[in-house]
Amino acid sequence: MPPHTRARDGAAAETRQRVIEAAADLLAREGRDAVTTRAVAVAAGLQPPAIYRLFGDKDGLLEAVAEHGFATFLAAKHVDPDPRDLIEDLRAGWDLAVEFGLAHPALYTLMYSEPTRPASPAFKAGMEILMGRIRRLAAGGHLRVGEELAVSLIHATARGAVLTWLSLPEERRDPALLSVLRESMVTAVTNEEPAVQDAGPAGAARALRATLPEQSALSGAEQHLLTEWLDRLASDG
C-alpha cells in the first residue's frame, strides 16, 4: 500500500474514532435523543455530510457507538486463565458486567436495545471469555446445566439486573436486588460441590460410568459400547 494511501486511511480512522467518541459523550450526557448527526458533527468539529460518508446514516453511527461500548467493556475484563475458585471467578465476571452497565446506563441500553443486532467482534471476543469460564466449570464438575443454557442464564440475569435497577427511582434501588439475582444465577448454573471429584477426562469418565445403570436412554448394545469407552478413559487416570 502506498504511503499516501496509508496516511489517508489512518486519518479517516482517526476521524471516525473522534466522531464515535463525540457521539458516546453526547449519549452519556444527554441521552439517545441528543445523538443527532448535526449535534455529533458539531461536537466532533466536522460538517454533517462527513457523518454520512463515514457511517451511512444515524443508525450506522449508533451501531458504531454500540460496538465502541462492547470494545470498552472488553478492555475492562480481567481474564484469569487458571482461577483458584471457579465459582468466585463466575461471580466476579457477573459483577463486572453489572457494574459496567450501572456506570454507563445510556451506552449499556444502546448496546442491548436491539436483540437482533449482529454480534460485533468485541461482543464475540467477550463471549469467548464467558465460554472459557463455563468450560472450566464444566471440566471441574461444577456446571449444573448445559453450556448454552448457562450462557443464557448468565446474560439474562445480568441484563435484567442492570435494566431493572436503572428503571427504579433512586430511593428504591436496593443493593440486595443485585446480590440476590447474582446468587440465583450461581445456584441455577453451578454445583457448589463438583459432580466430578477428579478433574480431567478420567474423572469425568468414572463419574459417568457410575451413573450408567440408572439410565434407560441407550439400548443394551449402545450402553455396552459406551461402557467400554468410558472404562478405557477411566483407566488412563
C-alpha atoms as a PDB file:
ATOM      1  CA  MET A   1       0.000   0.000   0.000  1.00  0.00           C
ATOM      2  CA  PRO A   2       1.485   3.396  -0.994  1.00  0.00           C
ATOM      3  CA  PRO A   3       2.427   5.718   1.900  1.00  0.00           C
ATOM      4  CA  HIS A   4      -0.132   8.370   0.888  1.00  0.00           C
ATOM      5  CA  THR A   5      -2.903   5.741   0.926  1.00  0.00           C
ATOM      6  CA  ARG A   6      -1.886   4.555   4.395  1.00  0.00           C
ATOM      7  CA  ALA A   7      -1.847   8.152   5.615  1.00  0.00           C
ATOM      8  CA  ARG A   8      -5.308   8.803   4.160  1.00  0.00           C
ATOM      9  CA  ASP A   9      -6.719   5.633   5.701  1.00  0.00           C
ATOM     10  CA  GLY A  10      -5.129   6.470   9.039  1.00  0.00           C
ATOM     11  CA  ALA A  11      -6.628   9.960   9.019  1.00  0.00           C
ATOM     12  CA  ALA A  12     -10.062   8.541   8.162  1.00  0.00           C
ATOM     13  CA  ALA A  13      -9.804   6.046  11.024  1.00  0.00           C
ATOM     14  CA  GLU A  14      -8.845   8.810  13.460  1.00  0.00           C
ATOM     15  CA  THR A  15     -11.752  10.959  12.286  1.00  0.00           C
ATOM     16  CA  ARG A  16     -14.150   8.032  12.606  1.00  0.00           C
ATOM     17  CA  GLN A  17     -12.968   7.346  16.151  1.00  0.00           C
ATOM     18  CA  ARG A  18     -13.321  11.034  17.057  1.00  0.00           C
ATOM     19  CA  VAL A  19     -16.912  11.005  15.827  1.00  0.00           C
ATOM     20  CA  ILE A  20     -17.733   7.816  17.768  1.00  0.00           C
ATOM     21  CA  GLU A  21     -16.279   9.255  20.973  1.00  0.00           C
ATOM     22  CA  ALA A  22     -18.201  12.517  20.463  1.00  0.00           C
ATOM     23  CA  ALA A  23     -21.428  10.553  19.961  1.00  0.00           C
ATOM     24  CA  ALA A  24     -20.741   8.387  23.021  1.00  0.00           C
ATOM     25  CA  ASP A  25     -20.123  11.509  25.114  1.00  0.00           C
ATOM     26  CA  LEU A  26     -23.397  13.086  23.928  1.00  0.00           C
ATOM     27  CA  LEU A  27     -25.200   9.836  24.667  1.00  0.00           C
ATOM     28  CA  ALA A  28     -23.821   9.692  28.203  1.00  0.00           C
ATOM     29  CA  ARG A  29     -24.535  13.351  28.996  1.00  0.00           C
ATOM     30  CA  GLU A  30     -27.852  13.974  27.255  1.00  0.00           C
ATOM     31  CA  GLY A  31     -29.351  10.649  26.224  1.00  0.00           C
ATOM     32  CA  ARG A  32     -30.067   8.901  22.951  1.00  0.00           C
ATOM     33  CA  ASP A  33     -32.328  11.631  21.538  1.00  0.00           C
ATOM     34  CA  ALA A  34     -29.433  14.093  21.701  1.00  0.00           C
ATOM     35  CA  VAL A  35     -27.328  11.965  19.350  1.00  0.00           C
ATOM     36  CA  THR A  36     -28.295  13.623  16.074  1.00  0.00           C
ATOM     37  CA  THR A  37     -25.971  13.755  13.097  1.00  0.00           C
ATOM     38  CA  ARG A  38     -25.831  17.553  13.342  1.00  0.00           C
ATOM     39  CA  ALA A  39     -25.041  17.593  17.074  1.00  0.00           C
ATOM     40  CA  VAL A  40     -22.385  14.901  16.697  1.00  0.00           C
ATOM     41  CA  ALA A  41     -20.818  16.696  13.744  1.00  0.00           C
ATOM     42  CA  VAL A  42     -20.575  19.924  15.745  1.00  0.00           C
ATOM     43  CA  ALA A  43     -19.095  18.101  18.742  1.00  0.00           C
ATOM     44  CA  ALA A  44     -16.523  16.399  16.513  1.00  0.00           C
ATOM     45  CA  GLY A  45     -15.667  19.601  14.623  1.00  0.00           C
ATOM     46  CA  LEU A  46     -16.996  18.344  11.275  1.00  0.00           C
ATOM     47  CA  GLN A  47     -19.702  19.135   8.762  1.00  0.00           C
ATOM     48  CA  PRO A  48     -22.803  16.858   8.893  1.00  0.00           C
ATOM     49  CA  PRO A  49     -22.125  15.289   5.454  1.00  0.00           C
ATOM     50  CA  ALA A  50     -18.950  13.762   6.918  1.00  0.00           C
ATOM     51  CA  ILE A  51     -21.098  11.662   9.263  1.00  0.00           C
ATOM     52  CA  TYR A  52     -22.955  10.180   6.308  1.00  0.00           C
ATOM     53  CA  ARG A  53     -19.729   9.455   4.448  1.00  0.00           C
ATOM     54  CA  LEU A  54     -18.311   7.622   7.448  1.00  0.00           C
ATOM     55  CA  PHE A  55     -21.383   5.799   8.785  1.00  0.00           C
ATOM     56  CA  GLY A  56     -24.076   5.920   6.103  1.00  0.00           C
ATOM     57  CA  ASP A  57     -26.794   7.273   8.414  1.00  0.00           C
ATOM     58  CA  LYS A  58     -27.655   7.787  12.077  1.00  0.00           C
ATOM     59  CA  ASP A  59     -28.369   4.076  12.564  1.00  0.00           C
ATOM     60  CA  GLY A  60     -24.897   3.274  11.268  1.00  0.00           C
ATOM     61  CA  LEU A  61     -23.428   5.761  13.723  1.00  0.00           C
ATOM     62  CA  LEU A  62     -25.355   4.219  16.627  1.00  0.00           C
ATOM     63  CA  GLU A  63     -24.157   0.759  15.573  1.00  0.00           C
ATOM     64  CA  ALA A  64     -20.588   2.046  15.748  1.00  0.00           C
ATOM     65  CA  VAL A  65     -21.215   3.545  19.196  1.00  0.00           C
ATOM     66  CA  ALA A  66     -22.638   0.226  20.411  1.00  0.00           C
ATOM     67  CA  GLU A  67     -19.539  -1.564  19.099  1.00  0.00           C
ATOM     68  CA  HIS A  68     -17.434   1.038  20.916  1.00  0.00           C
ATOM     69  CA  GLY A  69     -19.334   0.105  24.091  1.00  0.00           C
ATOM     70  CA  PHE A  70     -18.609  -3.610  23.662  1.00  0.00           C
ATOM     71  CA  ALA A  71     -14.936  -2.848  22.999  1.00  0.00           C
ATOM     72  CA  THR A  72     -14.755  -0.653  26.118  1.00  0.00           C
ATOM     73  CA  PHE A  73     -16.338  -3.391  28.209  1.00  0.00           C
ATOM     74  CA  LEU A  74     -13.975  -5.996  26.748  1.00  0.00           C
ATOM     75  CA  ALA A  75     -10.968  -3.857  27.655  1.00  0.00           C
ATOM     76  CA  ALA A  76     -12.179  -3.736  31.269  1.00  0.00           C
ATOM     77  CA  LYS A  77     -12.397  -7.515  31.602  1.00  0.00           C
ATOM     78  CA  HIS A  78      -9.769  -9.310  33.658  1.00  0.00           C
ATOM     79  CA  VAL A  79      -9.113 -12.806  32.382  1.00  0.00           C
ATOM     80  CA  ASP A  80      -7.565 -15.323  34.759  1.00  0.00           C
ATOM     81  CA  PRO A  81      -6.831 -18.471  32.741  1.00  0.00           C
ATOM     82  CA  ASP A  82      -6.484 -20.566  35.893  1.00  0.00           C
ATOM     83  CA  PRO A  83      -8.606 -19.120  38.723  1.00  0.00           C
ATOM     84  CA  ARG A  84      -8.262 -20.703  42.163  1.00  0.00           C
ATOM     85  CA  ASP A  85     -12.034 -20.653  42.726  1.00  0.00           C
ATOM     86  CA  LEU A  86     -14.123 -21.246  39.599  1.00  0.00           C
ATOM     87  CA  ILE A  87     -17.416 -20.145  41.144  1.00  0.00           C
ATOM     88  CA  GLU A  88     -15.925 -16.954  42.580  1.00  0.00           C
ATOM     89  CA  ASP A  89     -14.491 -16.265  39.121  1.00  0.00           C
ATOM     90  CA  LEU A  90     -18.025 -16.577  37.696  1.00  0.00           C
ATOM     91  CA  ARG A  91     -19.346 -14.185  40.339  1.00  0.00           C
ATOM     92  CA  ALA A  92     -16.581 -11.693  39.579  1.00  0.00           C
ATOM     93  CA  GLY A  93     -17.344 -11.761  35.849  1.00  0.00           C
ATOM     94  CA  TRP A  94     -21.065 -11.220  36.504  1.00  0.00           C
ATOM     95  CA  ASP A  95     -20.338  -8.354  38.893  1.00  0.00           C
ATOM     96  CA  LEU A  96     -18.082  -6.690  36.328  1.00  0.00           C
ATOM     97  CA  ALA A  97     -20.797  -6.853  33.662  1.00  0.00           C
ATOM     98  CA  VAL A  98     -23.391  -5.359  36.003  1.00  0.00           C
ATOM     99  CA  GLU A  99     -21.033  -2.652  37.266  1.00  0.00           C
ATOM    100  CA  PHE A 100     -20.265  -1.636  33.679  1.00  0.00           C
ATOM    101  CA  GLY A 101     -23.974  -1.316  32.928  1.00  0.00           C
ATOM    102  CA  LEU A 102     -24.633   0.782  36.023  1.00  0.00           C
ATOM    103  CA  ALA A 103     -21.663   3.038  35.263  1.00  0.00           C
ATOM    104  CA  HIS A 104     -22.697   3.554  31.611  1.00  0.00           C
ATOM    105  CA  PRO A 105     -26.509   3.374  31.616  1.00  0.00           C
ATOM    106  CA  ALA A 106     -27.245   5.040  28.275  1.00  0.00           C
ATOM    107  CA  LEU A 107     -24.448   3.191  26.482  1.00  0.00           C
ATOM    108  CA  TYR A 108     -25.457  -0.151  28.007  1.00  0.00           C
ATOM    109  CA  THR A 109     -29.087   0.377  26.996  1.00  0.00           C
ATOM    110  CA  LEU A 110     -27.978   1.137  23.431  1.00  0.00           C
ATOM    111  CA  MET A 111     -25.737  -1.953  23.355  1.00  0.00           C
ATOM    112  CA  TYR A 112     -28.598  -4.255  24.298  1.00  0.00           C
ATOM    113  CA  SER A 113     -31.572  -2.361  22.864  1.00  0.00           C
ATOM    114  CA  GLU A 114     -31.784  -4.488  19.727  1.00  0.00           C
ATOM    115  CA  PRO A 115     -31.551  -8.252  20.360  1.00  0.00           C
ATOM    116  CA  THR A 116     -31.345  -8.931  16.618  1.00  0.00           C
ATOM    117  CA  ARG A 117     -28.249  -6.742  16.164  1.00  0.00           C
ATOM    118  CA  PRO A 118     -25.453  -8.770  14.544  1.00  0.00           C
ATOM    119  CA  ALA A 119     -22.827  -9.775  17.072  1.00  0.00           C
ATOM    120  CA  SER A 120     -19.878  -7.396  16.971  1.00  0.00           C
ATOM    121  CA  PRO A 121     -16.231  -8.564  17.026  1.00  0.00           C
ATOM    122  CA  ALA A 122     -15.828  -7.244  20.576  1.00  0.00           C
ATOM    123  CA  PHE A 123     -19.054  -8.946  21.689  1.00  0.00           C
ATOM    124  CA  LYS A 124     -17.839 -12.223  20.204  1.00  0.00           C
ATOM    125  CA  ALA A 125     -14.497 -11.848  21.984  1.00  0.00           C
ATOM    126  CA  GLY A 126     -16.335 -11.241  25.259  1.00  0.00           C
ATOM    127  CA  MET A 127     -18.435 -14.335  24.637  1.00  0.00           C
ATOM    128  CA  GLU A 128     -15.254 -16.368  24.227  1.00  0.00           C
ATOM    129  CA  ILE A 129     -14.151 -15.206  27.675  1.00  0.00           C
ATOM    130  CA  LEU A 130     -17.512 -16.231  29.129  1.00  0.00           C
ATOM    131  CA  MET A 131     -17.395 -19.594  27.352  1.00  0.00           C
ATOM    132  CA  GLY A 132     -13.936 -20.151  28.799  1.00  0.00           C
ATOM    133  CA  ARG A 133     -15.372 -19.671  32.292  1.00  0.00           C
ATOM    134  CA  ILE A 134     -18.225 -22.052  31.546  1.00  0.00           C
ATOM    135  CA  ARG A 135     -15.937 -24.729  30.106  1.00  0.00           C
ATOM    136  CA  ARG A 136     -13.691 -24.557  33.172  1.00  0.00           C
ATOM    137  CA  LEU A 137     -16.765 -25.013  35.365  1.00  0.00           C
ATOM    138  CA  ALA A 138     -17.828 -27.990  33.254  1.00  0.00           C
ATOM    139  CA  ALA A 139     -14.376 -29.557  33.336  1.00  0.00           C
ATOM    140  CA  GLY A 140     -14.275 -29.147  37.106  1.00  0.00           C
ATOM    141  CA  GLY A 141     -17.665 -30.829  37.514  1.00  0.00           C
ATOM    142  CA  HIS A 142     -19.372 -27.633  38.723  1.00  0.00           C
ATOM    143  CA  LEU A 143     -21.712 -26.965  35.787  1.00  0.00           C
ATOM    144  CA  ARG A 144     -25.301 -27.876  36.640  1.00  0.00           C
ATOM    145  CA  VAL A 145     -26.824 -27.177  33.187  1.00  0.00           C
ATOM    146  CA  GLY A 146     -25.749 -27.307  29.561  1.00  0.00           C
ATOM    147  CA  GLU A 147     -23.264 -24.722  28.312  1.00  0.00           C
ATOM    148  CA  GLU A 148     -25.734 -22.872  26.055  1.00  0.00           C
ATOM    149  CA  LEU A 149     -28.318 -22.628  28.826  1.00  0.00           C
ATOM    150  CA  ALA A 150     -25.610 -21.409  31.218  1.00  0.00           C
ATOM    151  CA  VAL A 151     -24.743 -18.590  28.792  1.00  0.00           C
ATOM    152  CA  SER A 152     -28.407 -17.598  28.538  1.00  0.00           C
ATOM    153  CA  LEU A 153     -28.906 -17.615  32.308  1.00  0.00           C
ATOM    154  CA  ILE A 154     -25.800 -15.533  32.962  1.00  0.00           C
ATOM    155  CA  HIS A 155     -26.726 -12.960  30.319  1.00  0.00           C
ATOM    156  CA  ALA A 156     -30.392 -12.829  31.295  1.00  0.00           C
ATOM    157  CA  THR A 157     -29.707 -12.231  34.973  1.00  0.00           C
ATOM    158  CA  ALA A 158     -27.004  -9.619  34.326  1.00  0.00           C
ATOM    159  CA  ARG A 159     -29.089  -7.656  31.807  1.00  0.00           C
ATOM    160  CA  GLY A 160     -32.182  -7.995  33.951  1.00  0.00           C
ATOM    161  CA  ALA A 161     -30.298  -6.729  36.985  1.00  0.00           C
ATOM    162  CA  VAL A 162     -28.964  -3.658  35.164  1.00  0.00           C
ATOM    163  CA  LEU A 163     -32.158  -2.716  33.327  1.00  0.00           C
ATOM    164  CA  THR A 164     -34.367  -3.264  36.388  1.00  0.00           C
ATOM    165  CA  TRP A 165     -32.027  -1.213  38.575  1.00  0.00           C
ATOM    166  CA  LEU A 166     -31.983   1.632  36.062  1.00  0.00           C
ATOM    167  CA  SER A 167     -35.776   1.603  35.801  1.00  0.00           C
ATOM    168  CA  LEU A 168     -36.221   2.154  39.547  1.00  0.00           C
ATOM    169  CA  PRO A 169     -36.299   5.542  41.309  1.00  0.00           C
ATOM    170  CA  GLU A 170     -33.071   6.085  43.211  1.00  0.00           C
ATOM    171  CA  GLU A 171     -34.755   5.724  46.604  1.00  0.00           C
ATOM    172  CA  ARG A 172     -35.936   2.209  45.657  1.00  0.00           C
ATOM    173  CA  ARG A 173     -32.586   0.899  44.435  1.00  0.00           C
ATOM    174  CA  ASP A 174     -31.792  -1.810  46.972  1.00  0.00           C
ATOM    175  CA  PRO A 175     -28.348  -3.431  46.531  1.00  0.00           C
ATOM    176  CA  ALA A 176     -29.939  -6.703  47.633  1.00  0.00           C
ATOM    177  CA  LEU A 177     -31.584  -6.856  44.201  1.00  0.00           C
ATOM    178  CA  LEU A 178     -28.169  -7.305  42.595  1.00  0.00           C
ATOM    179  CA  SER A 179     -26.756  -9.774  45.110  1.00  0.00           C
ATOM    180  CA  VAL A 180     -29.901 -11.940  45.118  1.00  0.00           C
ATOM    181  CA  LEU A 181     -30.008 -12.078  41.318  1.00  0.00           C
ATOM    182  CA  ARG A 182     -26.327 -12.980  41.195  1.00  0.00           C
ATOM    183  CA  GLU A 183     -26.701 -15.776  43.726  1.00  0.00           C
ATOM    184  CA  SER A 184     -29.808 -17.051  41.948  1.00  0.00           C
ATOM    185  CA  MET A 185     -27.718 -17.280  38.781  1.00  0.00           C
ATOM    186  CA  VAL A 186     -24.910 -19.102  40.606  1.00  0.00           C
ATOM    187  CA  THR A 187     -27.368 -21.597  42.113  1.00  0.00           C
ATOM    188  CA  ALA A 188     -29.041 -22.221  38.753  1.00  0.00           C
ATOM    189  CA  VAL A 189     -25.789 -22.661  36.824  1.00  0.00           C
ATOM    190  CA  THR A 190     -23.402 -24.403  39.204  1.00  0.00           C
ATOM    191  CA  ASN A 191     -22.971 -27.159  41.759  1.00  0.00           C
ATOM    192  CA  GLU A 192     -21.132 -25.928  44.859  1.00  0.00           C
ATOM    193  CA  GLU A 193     -19.664 -29.416  45.248  1.00  0.00           C
ATOM    194  CA  PRO A 194     -18.226 -30.747  41.981  1.00  0.00           C
ATOM    195  CA  ALA A 195     -20.156 -33.593  40.401  1.00  0.00           C
ATOM    196  CA  VAL A 196     -16.808 -34.948  39.231  1.00  0.00           C
ATOM    197  CA  GLN A 197     -14.372 -35.297  42.099  1.00  0.00           C
ATOM    198  CA  ASP A 198     -11.266 -35.854  39.964  1.00  0.00           C
ATOM    199  CA  ALA A 199     -10.525 -33.248  37.318  1.00  0.00           C
ATOM    200  CA  GLY A 200      -9.864 -34.324  33.748  1.00  0.00           C
ATOM    201  CA  PRO A 201     -11.310 -36.887  31.332  1.00  0.00           C
ATOM    202  CA  ALA A 202     -10.593 -39.866  33.598  1.00  0.00           C
ATOM    203  CA  GLY A 203     -12.551 -38.427  36.498  1.00  0.00           C
ATOM    204  CA  ALA A 204     -15.445 -37.445  34.239  1.00  0.00           C
ATOM    205  CA  ALA A 205     -15.460 -40.920  32.695  1.00  0.00           C
ATOM    206  CA  ARG A 206     -15.596 -42.574  36.127  1.00  0.00           C
ATOM    207  CA  ALA A 207     -18.498 -40.332  37.196  1.00  0.00           C
ATOM    208  CA  LEU A 208     -20.478 -41.055  34.037  1.00  0.00           C
ATOM    209  CA  ARG A 209     -19.646 -44.771  34.219  1.00  0.00           C
ATOM    210  CA  ALA A 210     -21.114 -44.922  37.719  1.00  0.00           C
ATOM    211  CA  THR A 211     -24.462 -43.470  36.590  1.00  0.00           C
ATOM    212  CA  LEU A 212     -24.979 -45.648  33.508  1.00  0.00           C
ATOM    213  CA  PRO A 213     -27.049 -48.354  35.258  1.00  0.00           C
ATOM    214  CA  GLU A 214     -29.564 -45.657  36.292  1.00  0.00           C
ATOM    215  CA  GLN A 215     -30.429 -44.511  32.768  1.00  0.00           C
ATOM    216  CA  SER A 216     -32.514 -46.113  30.046  1.00  0.00           C
ATOM    217  CA  ALA A 217     -31.997 -43.826  27.052  1.00  0.00           C
ATOM    218  CA  LEU A 218     -29.442 -46.152  25.479  1.00  0.00           C
ATOM    219  CA  SER A 219     -30.016 -49.585  24.062  1.00  0.00           C
ATOM    220  CA  GLY A 220     -28.148 -52.511  25.573  1.00  0.00           C
ATOM    221  CA  ALA A 221     -25.610 -52.525  22.742  1.00  0.00           C
ATOM    222  CA  GLU A 222     -25.090 -48.758  22.980  1.00  0.00           C
ATOM    223  CA  GLN A 223     -24.638 -48.945  26.733  1.00  0.00           C
ATOM    224  CA  HIS A 224     -22.134 -51.790  26.380  1.00  0.00           C
ATOM    225  CA  LEU A 225     -20.087 -49.831  23.822  1.00  0.00           C
ATOM    226  CA  LEU A 226     -20.170 -46.634  25.885  1.00  0.00           C
ATOM    227  CA  THR A 227     -19.131 -48.558  28.980  1.00  0.00           C
ATOM    228  CA  GLU A 228     -16.137 -49.928  27.105  1.00  0.00           C
ATOM    229  CA  TRP A 229     -15.081 -46.440  26.002  1.00  0.00           C
ATOM    230  CA  LEU A 230     -15.529 -44.995  29.492  1.00  0.00           C
ATOM    231  CA  ASP A 231     -13.537 -47.818  31.044  1.00  0.00           C
ATOM    232  CA  ARG A 232     -10.637 -47.018  28.690  1.00  0.00           C
ATOM    233  CA  LEU A 233     -10.766 -43.309  29.579  1.00  0.00           C
ATOM    234  CA  ALA A 234     -11.063 -44.033  33.308  1.00  0.00           C
ATOM    235  CA  SER A 235      -8.052 -46.344  33.248  1.00  0.00           C
ATOM    236  CA  ASP A 236      -5.914 -43.512  31.847  1.00  0.00           C
ATOM    237  CA  GLY A 237      -6.283 -41.697  35.150  1.00  0.00           C
END
